[in-house]
Amino acid sequence: LVLAGLNSDDPKKKSVGNMATVAFHYLLRGGEYTFVNPKQRRRTKQFRVCDVIFWNNDVILPHSLPIEILRQDTTEGTLNISNQKNGKRAQTIHQETTNTPPCPVHALIRQVKHILLHTNDTSTIISTFFSPKYPGGRALRTGCITRALQKAVTHLRLDRQGIRPSDVSSHSLRAGGATAMH
């Protein structure tokens, strides 16, 4: 259901689907890709467009390429984070394209291209979406991701397996991704 947003006309739902895919596969903490109030002093810095690198084997592909070319030619995607919760600076998270839905690298491509369609500011947080309501852009918050996941739990009737909506949050993507990797 969260990924169904990828087929929606709603930019916010598309961004939720893209970021849920990216967070799951790249094992991201919510604070690494969603808006955090600057008044909350946190060590973690959110990923920005400039922190995303698309690769064709060992060649860096520019974000300015048309989306069709990026989808076709990108073999890997890298996220570089300047500072994260564990205190390690300049960490890199890397994934290869899976060429199957949902591909985390293709989700990154869609998200970056959506942002660059509306702004040239590469310091924009990666979860930013633009819509008629938010023409200047608005970054997703962890609560938005959590609500989408909780709706998915309800829709999928996971309570039959003992999973309640209150059991999941944006952090569930990181934990679920780690479990899937294991």
Protein backbone atom coordinates (compact mmCIF):
# COMPACT_ATOMS: atom_id res chain seq x y z
CA LEU A 1 0.00 0.00 0.00
CA VAL A 2 2.85 2.39 0.81
CA LEU A 3 4.45 1.53 -2.51
CA ALA A 4 1.08 2.02 -4.24
CA GLY A 5 1.79 5.72 -3.81
CA LEU A 6 4.31 5.31 -6.61
CA ASN A 7 1.39 4.94 -9.03
CA SER A 8 -0.48 7.89 -7.57
CA ASP A 9 -0.79 11.35 -9.08
CA ASP A 10 -0.20 12.80 -5.60
CA PRO A 11 3.43 14.00 -5.29
CA LYS A 12 3.37 13.45 -1.53
CA LYS A 13 2.24 9.82 -1.89
CA LYS A 14 4.87 9.25 -4.57
CA SER A 15 7.55 10.64 -2.28
CA VAL A 16 6.32 8.45 0.58
CA GLY A 17 6.54 5.39 -1.69
CA ASN A 18 9.99 6.37 -2.97
CA MET A 19 11.35 7.11 0.49
CA ALA A 20 9.86 3.97 2.05
CA THR A 21 11.64 1.96 -0.64
CA VAL A 22 14.91 3.81 -0.12
CA ALA A 23 14.71 3.67 3.70
CA PHE A 24 14.03 -0.08 3.65
CA HIS A 25 16.86 -0.98 1.27
CA TYR A 26 19.43 1.56 2.50
CA LEU A 27 18.54 0.86 6.18
CA LEU A 28 17.93 4.53 6.93
CA ARG A 29 16.89 6.04 10.23
CA GLY A 30 13.92 8.39 9.92
CA GLY A 31 16.03 11.40 10.86
CA GLU A 32 18.41 10.72 7.98
CA TYR A 33 15.86 11.42 5.26
CA THR A 34 12.92 13.29 6.83
CA PHE A 35 12.55 16.83 8.11
CA VAL A 36 13.80 17.43 11.62
CA ASN A 37 12.93 20.68 13.34
CA PRO A 38 16.14 22.76 13.56
CA LYS A 39 15.24 23.58 17.18
CA GLN A 40 15.83 19.93 18.01
CA ARG A 41 19.56 19.66 18.32
CA ARG A 42 20.51 16.47 16.54
CA ARG A 43 23.81 15.16 15.29
CA THR A 44 22.33 13.47 12.24
CA LYS A 45 22.17 15.47 9.03
CA GLN A 46 19.52 14.60 6.47
CA PHE A 47 20.48 13.30 3.05
CA ARG A 48 20.25 15.95 0.38
CA VAL A 49 20.18 15.76 -3.40
CA CYS A 50 23.90 16.57 -3.50
CA ASP A 51 24.57 13.49 -1.32
CA VAL A 52 23.19 11.13 -3.98
CA ILE A 53 25.49 9.64 -6.62
CA PHE A 54 24.31 7.53 -9.52
CA TRP A 55 26.81 5.19 -11.14
CA ASN A 56 27.17 3.27 -14.37
CA ASN A 57 29.73 0.78 -13.13
CA ASP A 58 32.66 3.09 -12.24
CA VAL A 59 31.39 6.22 -14.04
CA ILE A 60 29.38 8.86 -12.19
CA LEU A 61 26.19 9.86 -13.98
CA PRO A 62 25.02 13.47 -13.67
CA HIS A 63 21.60 14.12 -12.13
CA SER A 64 20.84 16.28 -15.17
CA LEU A 65 20.45 13.27 -17.48
CA PRO A 66 16.85 12.53 -18.53
CA ILE A 67 15.07 10.15 -16.16
CA GLU A 68 14.78 7.46 -18.87
CA ILE A 69 18.56 7.48 -19.40
CA LEU A 70 19.24 7.39 -15.65
CA ARG A 71 16.85 4.46 -15.19
CA GLN A 72 18.41 2.62 -18.11
CA ASP A 73 22.09 3.31 -17.43
CA THR A 74 22.37 3.48 -13.64
CA THR A 75 23.85 0.32 -12.15
CA GLU A 76 24.28 1.56 -8.58
CA GLY A 77 23.30 4.38 -6.25
CA THR A 78 25.28 5.82 -3.36
CA LEU A 79 24.21 7.99 -0.43
CA ASN A 80 26.93 9.98 1.32
CA ILE A 81 26.04 11.24 4.76
CA SER A 82 28.02 14.00 6.39
CA ASN A 83 27.13 13.08 9.96
CA GLN A 84 24.97 10.38 11.48
CA LYS A 85 23.68 9.19 14.82
CA ASN A 86 26.59 6.84 15.52
CA GLY A 87 29.03 9.75 15.27
CA LYS A 88 30.83 8.50 12.17
CA ARG A 89 31.35 11.18 9.59
CA ALA A 90 31.38 10.88 5.80
CA GLN A 91 29.80 7.42 5.64
CA THR A 92 28.68 5.90 2.36
CA ILE A 93 25.70 3.61 1.78
CA HIS A 94 25.63 1.83 -1.55
CA GLN A 95 23.05 -0.29 -3.39
CA GLU A 96 22.96 -1.90 -6.81
CA THR A 97 19.94 -1.65 -9.06
CA THR A 98 17.63 -4.62 -8.86
CA ASN A 99 15.68 -3.79 -12.03
CA THR A 100 12.62 -5.17 -10.28
CA PRO A 101 9.93 -3.23 -8.48
CA PRO A 102 10.61 -1.82 -5.98
CA CYS A 103 14.19 -0.93 -6.93
CA PRO A 104 15.78 1.40 -4.34
CA VAL A 105 18.05 3.04 -6.91
CA HIS A 106 15.15 3.74 -9.25
CA ALA A 107 13.23 5.19 -6.28
CA LEU A 108 16.18 7.53 -5.65
CA ILE A 109 16.24 8.50 -9.31
CA ARG A 110 12.51 9.31 -9.27
CA GLN A 111 12.88 11.36 -6.08
CA VAL A 112 15.92 13.32 -7.27
CA LYS A 113 14.32 14.05 -10.64
CA HIS A 114 11.09 15.23 -8.93
CA ILE A 115 13.08 17.64 -6.78
CA LEU A 116 15.24 18.93 -9.64
CA LEU A 117 12.12 19.52 -11.72
CA HIS A 118 11.15 22.18 -9.16
CA THR A 119 14.46 23.56 -7.85
CA ASN A 120 18.17 23.68 -8.67
CA ASP A 121 19.05 23.72 -4.95
CA THR A 122 20.97 20.49 -4.42
CA SER A 123 20.98 21.05 -0.66
CA THR A 124 17.27 20.11 -0.68
CA ILE A 125 16.42 17.24 1.69
CA ILE A 126 15.93 14.05 -0.33
CA SER A 127 12.35 13.47 0.91
CA THR A 128 11.11 16.86 -0.33
CA PHE A 129 8.02 16.90 -2.50
CA PHE A 130 6.46 19.75 -4.46
CA SER A 131 2.72 20.13 -5.01
CA PRO A 132 0.14 22.87 -5.60
CA LYS A 133 -0.28 23.07 -1.82
CA TYR A 134 3.52 23.25 -1.32
CA PRO A 135 4.93 24.94 -4.44
CA GLY A 136 8.11 25.80 -2.53
CA GLY A 137 8.52 22.19 -1.44
CA ARG A 138 8.04 20.38 1.83
CA ALA A 139 10.12 17.55 3.25
CA LEU A 140 8.32 14.52 4.62
CA ARG A 141 8.26 14.03 8.37
CA THR A 142 8.64 10.70 10.15
CA GLY A 143 4.99 10.88 11.24
CA CYS A 144 3.90 10.86 7.60
CA ILE A 145 5.93 7.71 6.91
CA THR A 146 4.60 6.09 10.10
CA ARG A 147 0.97 6.87 9.21
CA ALA A 148 1.42 5.40 5.71
CA LEU A 149 2.91 2.21 7.17
CA GLN A 150 0.13 1.95 9.74
CA LYS A 151 -2.50 2.33 6.99
CA ALA A 152 -0.75 -0.45 5.08
CA VAL A 153 -0.89 -2.73 8.14
CA THR A 154 -4.63 -2.08 8.46
CA HIS A 155 -5.28 -2.49 4.73
CA LEU A 156 -3.32 -5.74 4.58
CA ARG A 157 -5.14 -6.97 7.70
CA LEU A 158 -1.88 -7.89 9.34
CA ASP A 159 -3.68 -7.98 12.68
CA ARG A 160 -4.53 -11.56 11.66
CA GLN A 161 -0.80 -12.30 12.07
CA GLY A 162 -0.64 -10.38 15.34
CA ILE A 163 0.75 -7.13 13.88
CA ARG A 164 -1.16 -4.04 14.97
CA PRO A 165 -0.80 -0.63 13.33
CA SER A 166 0.62 0.70 16.60
CA ASP A 167 3.43 -1.89 16.27
CA VAL A 168 4.98 -0.15 13.24
CA SER A 169 6.70 3.17 12.71
CA SER A 170 9.16 4.73 10.30
CA HIS A 171 11.90 2.81 12.13
CA SER A 172 10.22 -0.43 11.05
CA LEU A 173 11.63 0.14 7.56
CA ARG A 174 15.19 0.04 8.90
CA ALA A 175 14.51 -2.99 11.09
CA GLY A 176 12.61 -4.76 8.31
CA GLY A 177 15.35 -4.05 5.79
CA ALA A 178 18.00 -5.43 8.13
CA THR A 179 15.88 -8.54 8.73
CA ALA A 180 15.40 -9.00 4.98
CA MET A 181 19.16 -8.69 4.42
CA HIS A 182 19.81 -11.32 7.07
